[in-house]
Amino acid sequence: MSGLNLNGITKIYPSGATALYDVSLEAGDREFLVILGGEKCGKSSLLKVIAGVEDASSGGVFIDGKDLTGVEPKDRDVAMVYRGDTLYPSLNVYDNMAFGLRLRKAPQALIDKRVKSAADILGLNEILYRKPKVLSAAARQRVAIARAIVREPRLYLFDEPLAGIDETLRRDMLNVIINLQARMNGTFIYATKNLSEALTIGTRIAVMKSGLIQQIDTPSNLYDYPANTYVAFLIGSPTVNLLKDVKIVKGEDGYAAESGFGRLKLPENIVKRFSDVEEYAQSGKAVILGLRPEDVKCAADGPLSAKMGKTEEADGVTYAECTLPDGQIVLVTADAHKGKTETVSLAVDGTRLYLFDAETRLTLLSRDSGYKPTGHKDADRIPLPYPEEQRIIEKLKPQKQNLPKKKIR
């Protein structure tokens, strides 16, 4: 068994910068969990805390139910693969792969067996006795991965291992890692800022922002049931349209989302999921309306109108930037309409829209039968409301010290 459980991990550096704040998550035995987020979101710091390379300021790290919070890295049975070239340049491929086992005084017979097994898996047999400087970037990264798996640890940690590799090699290496995970007994934790990587390899994805966990769930659940606007924006390509200054109104035909862009009737399935719909209709509280570009199409007739802007093609689909009457710009599917400055109607699949509170930026829609439970408790975690999150982020920033100015003599 190779389960991981993090309980309230906070990491504050000596400078006062807080990299992680109250991070709790779990990864099951042999699971492939991806940590997804932008620069300085805390991905690398989290992996280093798990590995024991850095100590948490508070919180606990549990592997297989054992508290390993204060245990040395060498005693955690964790292997870490970093981005970039971390091989020892003076050692050949075989010796780089064997280094960790030799450090633990493993018998030579075991070292030889494990190195050759890893070389077979990763296709390294022909370069075992070459130095890293003569290898391609992809080959060096294969060696770095092989060096991790020869130990056969309980946890494999990958810190953006494919950063800087071109797209073709990235796809090849992703397949290598996917196949590797299927053959090994350990749990894989993979940090990346690349959405395509995350969606390709992750059993579940933990979305991070500024050291805080936003949501942890399967790729499809994150896409269909985002907990807040940040998750909705991050999961999906092209990114979701988020329309502001929207009000919920009630008319003879039911509830609708209304703003300067027009009026969009809320379908029955959305109304059922919106438990506070009457409160928002009566109070006039603002909401944010989320529309995926693939769910908004230029059509002969639709509830919204917009002025066509520039178009672009991605994965064989044409998208257009359209300006709504209130000036907000939306990206829509535009296979049949490509004329710039043309006024077009927009047909919207309202059954797939999102609604978020304008102040908290949390979802207003409950899960329905389309949601696929994972059995993990952390899937039910509710992220902090946006104002509270911003207060915490501001509070956690290093404070400048106002030192007295030196007098000039």
Protein backbone atom coordinates (compact mmCIF):
# COMPACT_ATOMS: atom_id res chain seq x y z
CA MET A 1 0.00 0.00 0.00
CA SER A 2 1.28 3.48 -0.89
CA GLY A 3 -1.35 5.97 0.25
CA LEU A 4 -0.55 9.62 0.99
CA ASN A 5 -2.38 11.92 3.37
CA LEU A 6 -1.50 15.57 3.99
CA ASN A 7 -3.10 17.22 6.99
CA GLY A 8 -3.11 21.03 7.17
CA ILE A 9 0.32 21.63 5.63
CA THR A 10 1.57 25.21 5.92
CA LYS A 11 5.02 26.25 4.71
CA ILE A 12 6.52 29.63 5.65
CA TYR A 13 10.04 30.46 4.48
CA PRO A 14 12.53 32.42 6.62
CA SER A 15 11.87 35.47 4.42
CA GLY A 16 8.28 35.42 5.66
CA ALA A 17 6.88 34.26 2.32
CA THR A 18 4.16 31.64 2.70
CA ALA A 19 4.29 28.98 -0.02
CA LEU A 20 1.55 26.70 1.34
CA TYR A 21 -1.44 27.41 3.54
CA ASP A 22 -3.50 24.70 5.25
CA VAL A 23 -3.10 22.17 2.43
CA SER A 24 -4.93 18.90 3.02
CA LEU A 25 -5.31 16.14 0.45
CA GLU A 26 -5.17 12.40 0.03
CA ALA A 27 -3.90 10.08 -2.69
CA GLY A 28 -4.92 6.44 -2.80
CA ASP A 29 -2.71 3.44 -3.38
CA ARG A 30 -1.34 3.46 -6.98
CA GLU A 31 -3.28 6.60 -7.81
CA PHE A 32 -2.01 9.20 -10.29
CA LEU A 33 -2.69 12.58 -8.66
CA VAL A 34 -1.77 15.77 -10.52
CA ILE A 35 -1.03 19.08 -8.79
CA LEU A 36 -2.05 21.80 -11.26
CA GLY A 37 -1.40 25.51 -10.96
CA GLY A 38 0.52 28.49 -12.31
CA GLU A 39 3.88 29.87 -11.28
CA LYS A 40 4.41 30.32 -7.53
CA CYS A 41 1.21 28.47 -6.64
CA GLY A 42 3.10 26.14 -4.28
CA LYS A 43 3.44 22.99 -6.41
CA SER A 44 7.19 22.52 -5.95
CA SER A 45 7.09 23.45 -2.28
CA LEU A 46 4.37 20.85 -1.70
CA LEU A 47 6.39 18.07 -3.33
CA LYS A 48 9.50 19.04 -1.37
CA VAL A 49 7.55 18.88 1.89
CA ILE A 50 6.20 15.44 0.96
CA ALA A 51 9.73 14.26 0.13
CA GLY A 52 11.15 15.75 3.33
CA VAL A 53 13.56 17.97 1.39
CA GLU A 54 11.88 20.89 3.16
CA ASP A 55 10.11 20.89 6.50
CA ALA A 56 6.52 22.01 6.88
CA SER A 57 5.97 24.89 9.28
CA SER A 58 2.89 23.06 10.52
CA GLY A 59 0.74 20.10 9.56
CA GLY A 60 1.45 16.43 9.01
CA VAL A 61 2.67 14.13 6.23
CA PHE A 62 1.34 10.57 6.44
CA ILE A 63 2.38 7.73 4.13
CA ASP A 64 0.65 4.38 4.50
CA GLY A 65 -0.91 5.75 7.68
CA LYS A 66 2.48 6.47 9.29
CA ASP A 67 3.37 9.98 10.43
CA LEU A 68 6.58 10.83 8.57
CA THR A 69 6.50 14.58 9.22
CA GLY A 70 9.92 14.73 10.91
CA VAL A 71 11.52 11.79 9.13
CA GLU A 72 14.64 12.28 6.98
CA PRO A 73 14.15 12.16 3.17
CA LYS A 74 16.23 8.97 2.82
CA ASP A 75 13.91 7.17 5.24
CA ARG A 76 10.62 8.15 3.58
CA ASP A 77 10.84 5.73 0.65
CA VAL A 78 10.01 8.55 -1.77
CA ALA A 79 11.65 9.26 -5.14
CA MET A 80 11.56 12.67 -6.80
CA VAL A 81 12.09 13.61 -10.44
CA TYR A 82 12.85 17.28 -10.98
CA ARG A 83 12.54 19.36 -14.13
CA GLY A 84 15.70 20.00 -16.10
CA ASP A 85 18.97 18.12 -16.05
CA THR A 86 19.72 16.77 -12.56
CA LEU A 87 22.05 13.93 -13.56
CA TYR A 88 25.60 13.67 -12.28
CA PRO A 89 27.72 14.68 -15.31
CA SER A 90 30.77 12.66 -14.24
CA LEU A 91 28.77 9.40 -14.01
CA ASN A 92 27.51 7.32 -16.91
CA VAL A 93 23.86 6.36 -17.23
CA TYR A 94 24.26 3.07 -15.34
CA ASP A 95 26.00 4.75 -12.40
CA ASN A 96 23.48 7.60 -12.31
CA MET A 97 20.68 5.06 -12.08
CA ALA A 98 22.51 3.01 -9.44
CA PHE A 99 23.51 6.00 -7.29
CA GLY A 100 20.55 5.93 -4.90
CA LEU A 101 20.79 2.19 -4.30
CA ARG A 102 24.54 2.41 -3.67
CA LEU A 103 23.91 5.21 -1.20
CA ARG A 104 21.65 2.80 0.69
CA LYS A 105 24.34 0.08 0.49
CA ALA A 106 22.21 -2.27 -1.61
CA PRO A 107 23.91 -5.51 -2.81
CA GLN A 108 25.49 -5.26 -6.27
CA ALA A 109 23.33 -8.11 -7.56
CA LEU A 110 20.17 -6.18 -6.62
CA ILE A 111 21.55 -2.98 -8.15
CA ASP A 112 22.36 -4.73 -11.41
CA LYS A 113 18.93 -6.38 -11.55
CA ARG A 114 17.02 -3.16 -10.88
CA VAL A 115 19.08 -0.99 -13.23
CA LYS A 116 18.68 -3.42 -16.11
CA SER A 117 14.96 -3.79 -15.41
CA ALA A 118 14.47 0.00 -15.45
CA ALA A 119 16.58 0.27 -18.60
CA ASP A 120 14.33 -2.28 -20.30
CA ILE A 121 11.19 -0.38 -19.31
CA LEU A 122 12.50 3.01 -20.46
CA GLY A 123 14.51 1.89 -23.48
CA LEU A 124 17.93 2.82 -22.13
CA ASN A 125 19.90 -0.37 -22.79
CA GLU A 126 21.91 1.08 -25.67
CA ILE A 127 23.08 4.15 -23.71
CA LEU A 128 23.80 2.64 -20.28
CA TYR A 129 27.51 3.45 -20.46
CA ARG A 130 27.30 6.90 -22.00
CA LYS A 131 27.75 10.18 -20.14
CA PRO A 132 24.78 12.60 -19.82
CA LYS A 133 26.46 15.30 -21.95
CA VAL A 134 26.11 13.23 -25.12
CA LEU A 135 22.43 12.45 -24.59
CA SER A 136 19.39 14.30 -25.91
CA ALA A 137 17.15 16.20 -23.49
CA ALA A 138 14.49 13.48 -23.74
CA ALA A 139 17.04 10.73 -23.07
CA ARG A 140 18.40 12.56 -20.03
CA GLN A 141 14.89 12.88 -18.65
CA ARG A 142 14.30 9.15 -19.20
CA VAL A 143 17.45 8.48 -17.19
CA ALA A 144 16.23 10.78 -14.40
CA ILE A 145 12.96 8.83 -14.28
CA ALA A 146 14.83 5.52 -14.37
CA ARG A 147 16.99 6.66 -11.45
CA ALA A 148 13.80 7.15 -9.46
CA ILE A 149 12.14 3.84 -10.30
CA VAL A 150 15.16 1.59 -9.59
CA ARG A 151 14.50 2.19 -5.91
CA GLU A 152 10.90 0.97 -6.28
CA PRO A 153 9.65 3.52 -3.71
CA ARG A 154 6.16 3.91 -2.31
CA LEU A 155 5.76 7.42 -3.70
CA TYR A 156 6.96 8.88 -7.02
CA LEU A 157 7.05 12.68 -7.09
CA PHE A 158 7.39 14.51 -10.43
CA ASP A 159 8.12 18.26 -10.33
CA GLU A 160 7.33 19.54 -13.85
CA PRO A 161 9.62 16.91 -15.41
CA LEU A 162 8.70 17.83 -18.99
CA ALA A 163 9.11 21.61 -18.73
CA GLY A 164 11.17 22.93 -21.63
CA ILE A 165 10.75 19.83 -23.80
CA ASP A 166 9.19 20.38 -27.24
CA GLU A 167 5.62 19.23 -27.88
CA THR A 168 6.45 16.05 -29.80
CA LEU A 169 8.90 14.81 -27.18
CA ARG A 170 6.47 15.86 -24.45
CA ARG A 171 3.78 13.59 -25.85
CA ASP A 172 6.23 10.70 -26.10
CA MET A 173 7.41 11.20 -22.52
CA LEU A 174 3.84 11.44 -21.26
CA ASN A 175 3.16 8.03 -22.78
CA VAL A 176 6.30 6.71 -21.10
CA ILE A 177 5.13 8.00 -17.70
CA ILE A 178 1.59 6.68 -18.18
CA ASN A 179 2.89 3.22 -19.09
CA LEU A 180 5.35 3.37 -16.23
CA GLN A 181 2.62 4.11 -13.69
CA ALA A 182 0.64 1.12 -14.93
CA ARG A 183 3.61 -1.17 -14.27
CA MET A 184 4.81 0.16 -10.89
CA ASN A 185 3.27 -0.42 -7.46
CA GLY A 186 3.70 3.09 -6.07
CA THR A 187 1.54 6.21 -6.00
CA PHE A 188 2.38 8.98 -8.50
CA ILE A 189 2.16 12.69 -7.60
CA TYR A 190 2.82 14.89 -10.63
CA ALA A 191 3.11 18.70 -10.52
CA THR A 192 2.58 20.76 -13.67
CA LYS A 193 1.25 24.06 -14.95
CA ASN A 194 0.38 22.46 -18.28
CA LEU A 195 -3.36 21.77 -18.51
CA SER A 196 -2.97 19.30 -21.38
CA GLU A 197 -0.53 17.21 -19.32
CA ALA A 198 -2.84 17.27 -16.31
CA LEU A 199 -5.91 16.18 -18.27
CA THR A 200 -3.96 13.45 -20.08
CA ILE A 201 -2.41 11.69 -17.11
CA GLY A 202 -4.34 12.59 -13.96
CA THR A 203 -6.73 10.21 -12.23
CA ARG A 204 -7.58 13.25 -10.13
CA ILE A 205 -6.33 16.84 -10.22
CA ALA A 206 -5.65 19.14 -7.27
CA VAL A 207 -5.99 22.75 -8.43
CA MET A 208 -3.76 25.17 -6.52
CA LYS A 209 -3.56 28.95 -6.42
CA SER A 210 -1.24 31.07 -4.25
CA GLY A 211 -0.50 28.15 -1.93
CA LEU A 212 -4.15 27.27 -1.36
CA ILE A 213 -6.06 24.24 -2.63
CA GLN A 214 -9.04 25.29 -4.74
CA GLN A 215 -10.57 21.92 -5.64
CA ILE A 216 -9.57 18.25 -5.94
CA ASP A 217 -11.49 15.97 -8.28
CA THR A 218 -11.42 14.06 -11.55
CA PRO A 219 -10.81 16.04 -14.77
CA SER A 220 -14.42 15.59 -15.92
CA ASN A 221 -15.86 16.61 -12.54
CA LEU A 222 -13.65 19.72 -12.43
CA TYR A 223 -14.81 20.66 -15.92
CA ASP A 224 -18.53 20.10 -15.32
CA TYR A 225 -18.74 21.06 -11.62
CA PRO A 226 -16.12 23.74 -10.86
CA ALA A 227 -16.19 24.96 -7.26
CA ASN A 228 -15.35 28.55 -8.17
CA THR A 229 -14.53 30.83 -11.09
CA TYR A 230 -10.78 30.08 -10.87
CA VAL A 231 -11.28 26.35 -11.41
CA ALA A 232 -13.80 27.00 -14.19
CA PHE A 233 -11.30 29.31 -15.92
CA LEU A 234 -8.29 27.01 -15.47
CA ILE A 235 -9.96 23.74 -16.56
CA GLY A 236 -10.83 24.00 -20.22
CA SER A 237 -9.25 25.11 -23.47
CA PRO A 238 -10.27 27.59 -24.76
CA THR A 239 -11.02 29.11 -21.36
CA VAL A 240 -14.55 29.74 -20.15
CA ASN A 241 -16.30 33.08 -20.74
CA LEU A 242 -17.12 34.75 -17.41
CA LEU A 243 -19.77 37.45 -17.78
CA LYS A 244 -20.09 39.97 -14.94
CA ASP A 245 -22.88 42.25 -13.66
CA VAL A 246 -25.53 39.61 -14.24
CA LYS A 247 -28.81 39.49 -12.29
CA ILE A 248 -31.30 36.68 -11.86
CA VAL A 249 -34.84 37.74 -12.80
CA LYS A 250 -38.17 35.97 -12.69
CA GLY A 251 -40.75 36.32 -15.45
CA GLU A 252 -43.79 34.53 -16.78
CA ASP A 253 -41.55 32.04 -18.57
CA GLY A 254 -39.49 31.31 -15.44
CA TYR A 255 -36.04 32.43 -14.29
CA ALA A 256 -33.47 34.09 -16.50
CA ALA A 257 -29.97 35.60 -16.33
CA GLU A 258 -30.17 39.22 -17.44
CA SER A 259 -27.66 41.98 -18.03
CA GLY A 260 -26.59 44.57 -20.57
CA PHE A 261 -25.81 41.74 -22.99
CA GLY A 262 -29.45 40.61 -23.05
CA ARG A 263 -31.59 37.94 -21.42
CA LEU A 264 -30.81 34.22 -21.21
CA LYS A 265 -33.51 31.87 -19.92
CA LEU A 266 -32.35 29.38 -17.27
CA PRO A 267 -33.25 25.80 -18.24
CA GLU A 268 -35.06 23.53 -15.80
CA ASN A 269 -31.94 21.51 -14.92
CA ILE A 270 -30.05 24.69 -13.91
CA VAL A 271 -32.97 26.00 -11.82
CA LYS A 272 -33.14 22.67 -9.96
CA ARG A 273 -29.46 22.88 -9.10
CA PHE A 274 -29.75 26.55 -8.03
CA SER A 275 -31.29 26.21 -4.56
CA ASP A 276 -31.11 29.97 -3.83
CA VAL A 277 -32.54 31.08 -7.15
CA GLU A 278 -35.56 32.80 -5.57
CA GLU A 279 -33.38 34.68 -3.08
CA TYR A 280 -31.13 35.98 -5.85
CA ALA A 281 -34.13 36.95 -7.97
CA GLN A 282 -35.70 38.91 -5.13
CA SER A 283 -32.55 40.53 -3.73
CA GLY A 284 -30.95 41.48 -7.03
CA LYS A 285 -27.60 40.07 -5.89
CA ALA A 286 -25.14 39.96 -8.77
CA VAL A 287 -23.87 36.69 -10.21
CA ILE A 288 -21.17 35.71 -12.69
CA LEU A 289 -22.37 33.73 -15.69
CA GLY A 290 -20.00 31.13 -17.14
CA LEU A 291 -20.33 30.00 -20.77
CA ARG A 292 -17.89 27.60 -22.45
CA PRO A 293 -16.92 28.64 -26.02
CA GLU A 294 -17.97 25.20 -27.24
CA ASP A 295 -21.46 25.79 -25.83
CA VAL A 296 -22.01 29.14 -27.60
CA LYS A 297 -22.34 29.06 -31.38
CA CYS A 298 -23.03 31.55 -34.13
CA ALA A 299 -26.46 30.69 -35.50
CA ALA A 300 -29.26 32.02 -37.66
CA ASP A 301 -31.35 32.64 -34.57
CA GLY A 302 -30.39 32.86 -30.92
CA PRO A 303 -31.21 34.69 -27.66
CA LEU A 304 -28.09 36.88 -27.77
CA SER A 305 -26.62 39.11 -30.44
CA ALA A 306 -23.01 40.21 -30.84
CA LYS A 307 -20.60 41.82 -33.27
CA MET A 308 -18.13 39.40 -34.82
CA GLY A 309 -14.42 40.06 -34.23
CA LYS A 310 -11.27 38.21 -35.13
CA THR A 311 -11.32 34.44 -35.61
CA GLU A 312 -8.78 31.73 -34.84
CA GLU A 313 -8.62 28.00 -35.38
CA ALA A 314 -7.72 25.40 -32.75
CA ASP A 315 -7.90 21.62 -33.16
CA GLY A 316 -9.93 22.00 -36.35
CA VAL A 317 -12.54 24.29 -34.77
CA THR A 318 -12.96 27.97 -35.63
CA TYR A 319 -13.52 30.33 -32.71
CA ALA A 320 -14.48 34.00 -32.90
CA GLU A 321 -14.19 36.87 -30.46
CA CYS A 322 -17.62 38.49 -30.29
CA THR A 323 -18.49 41.76 -28.58
CA LEU A 324 -21.81 41.76 -26.71
CA PRO A 325 -24.01 44.90 -26.53
CA ASP A 326 -22.62 45.78 -23.08
CA GLY A 327 -19.04 45.62 -24.35
CA GLN A 328 -18.10 42.29 -22.81
CA ILE A 329 -16.17 40.01 -25.16
CA VAL A 330 -16.92 36.30 -25.48
CA LEU A 331 -15.18 33.55 -27.40
CA VAL A 332 -17.66 31.43 -29.36
CA THR A 333 -17.68 28.58 -31.88
CA ALA A 334 -18.01 30.09 -35.33
CA ASP A 335 -17.73 27.39 -37.99
CA ALA A 336 -20.37 28.93 -40.23
CA HIS A 337 -19.63 32.63 -39.71
CA LYS A 338 -16.26 34.20 -40.37
CA GLY A 339 -17.06 37.76 -41.45
CA LYS A 340 -15.51 40.40 -39.17
CA THR A 341 -17.71 43.23 -37.84
CA GLU A 342 -20.78 41.22 -38.82
CA THR A 343 -23.65 41.21 -36.30
CA VAL A 344 -24.58 37.63 -35.48
CA SER A 345 -26.99 35.75 -33.27
CA LEU A 346 -25.58 33.45 -30.61
CA ALA A 347 -27.23 30.15 -29.73
CA VAL A 348 -26.41 29.05 -26.18
CA ASP A 349 -26.63 25.56 -24.68
CA GLY A 350 -28.09 26.83 -21.42
CA THR A 351 -28.13 23.35 -19.87
CA ARG A 352 -24.33 23.60 -19.55
CA LEU A 353 -23.92 27.11 -18.16
CA TYR A 354 -22.33 27.99 -14.79
CA LEU A 355 -23.45 30.46 -12.14
CA PHE A 356 -21.17 31.93 -9.45
CA ASP A 357 -21.79 34.45 -6.72
CA ALA A 358 -20.24 37.75 -7.81
CA GLU A 359 -18.72 38.45 -4.39
CA THR A 360 -17.52 35.03 -3.20
CA ARG A 361 -16.95 33.65 -6.74
CA LEU A 362 -18.15 30.26 -5.46
CA THR A 363 -20.50 28.13 -7.51
CA LEU A 364 -24.22 28.52 -6.93
CA LEU A 365 -25.11 25.20 -8.53
CA SER A 366 -25.24 21.92 -6.63
CA ARG A 367 -24.09 18.64 -8.13
CA ASP A 368 -26.63 16.50 -9.94
CA SER A 369 -26.71 12.90 -11.16
CA GLY A 370 -24.06 13.68 -13.76
CA TYR A 371 -21.44 14.04 -11.04
CA LYS A 372 -19.29 10.91 -10.61
CA PRO A 373 -18.20 10.50 -6.95
CA THR A 374 -14.61 9.40 -6.32
CA GLY A 375 -15.00 8.26 -2.74
CA HIS A 376 -12.38 10.80 -1.60
CA LYS A 377 -13.46 13.19 1.16
CA ASP A 378 -11.34 16.02 -0.22
CA ALA A 379 -13.67 16.22 -3.23
CA ASP A 380 -16.22 17.86 -0.92
CA ARG A 381 -13.84 20.57 0.25
CA ILE A 382 -15.28 24.05 -0.36
CA PRO A 383 -12.67 26.68 -1.29
CA LEU A 384 -12.48 29.94 0.58
CA PRO A 385 -14.74 32.79 -0.59
CA TYR A 386 -12.74 35.17 -2.78
CA PRO A 387 -12.59 38.13 -0.31
CA GLU A 388 -11.37 35.85 2.49
CA GLU A 389 -8.85 34.20 0.19
CA GLN A 390 -7.48 37.59 -0.84
CA ARG A 391 -7.18 38.72 2.80
CA ILE A 392 -5.22 35.56 3.62
CA ILE A 393 -2.96 35.93 0.58
CA GLU A 394 -2.26 39.56 1.47
CA LYS A 395 -1.62 38.64 5.10
CA LEU A 396 0.79 35.88 4.08
CA LYS A 397 2.96 38.12 1.91
CA PRO A 398 6.36 38.99 3.42
CA GLN A 399 6.10 42.31 5.22
CA LYS A 400 8.71 44.93 4.43
CA GLN A 401 10.58 46.11 7.48
CA ASN A 402 10.75 49.87 7.86
CA LEU A 403 14.33 50.20 9.07
CA PRO A 404 15.54 53.59 10.24
CA LYS A 405 17.41 55.50 7.58
CA LYS A 406 21.10 55.96 8.12
CA LYS A 407 22.24 59.50 8.58
CA ILE A 408 24.64 60.79 5.97
CA ARG A 409 27.62 62.49 7.55
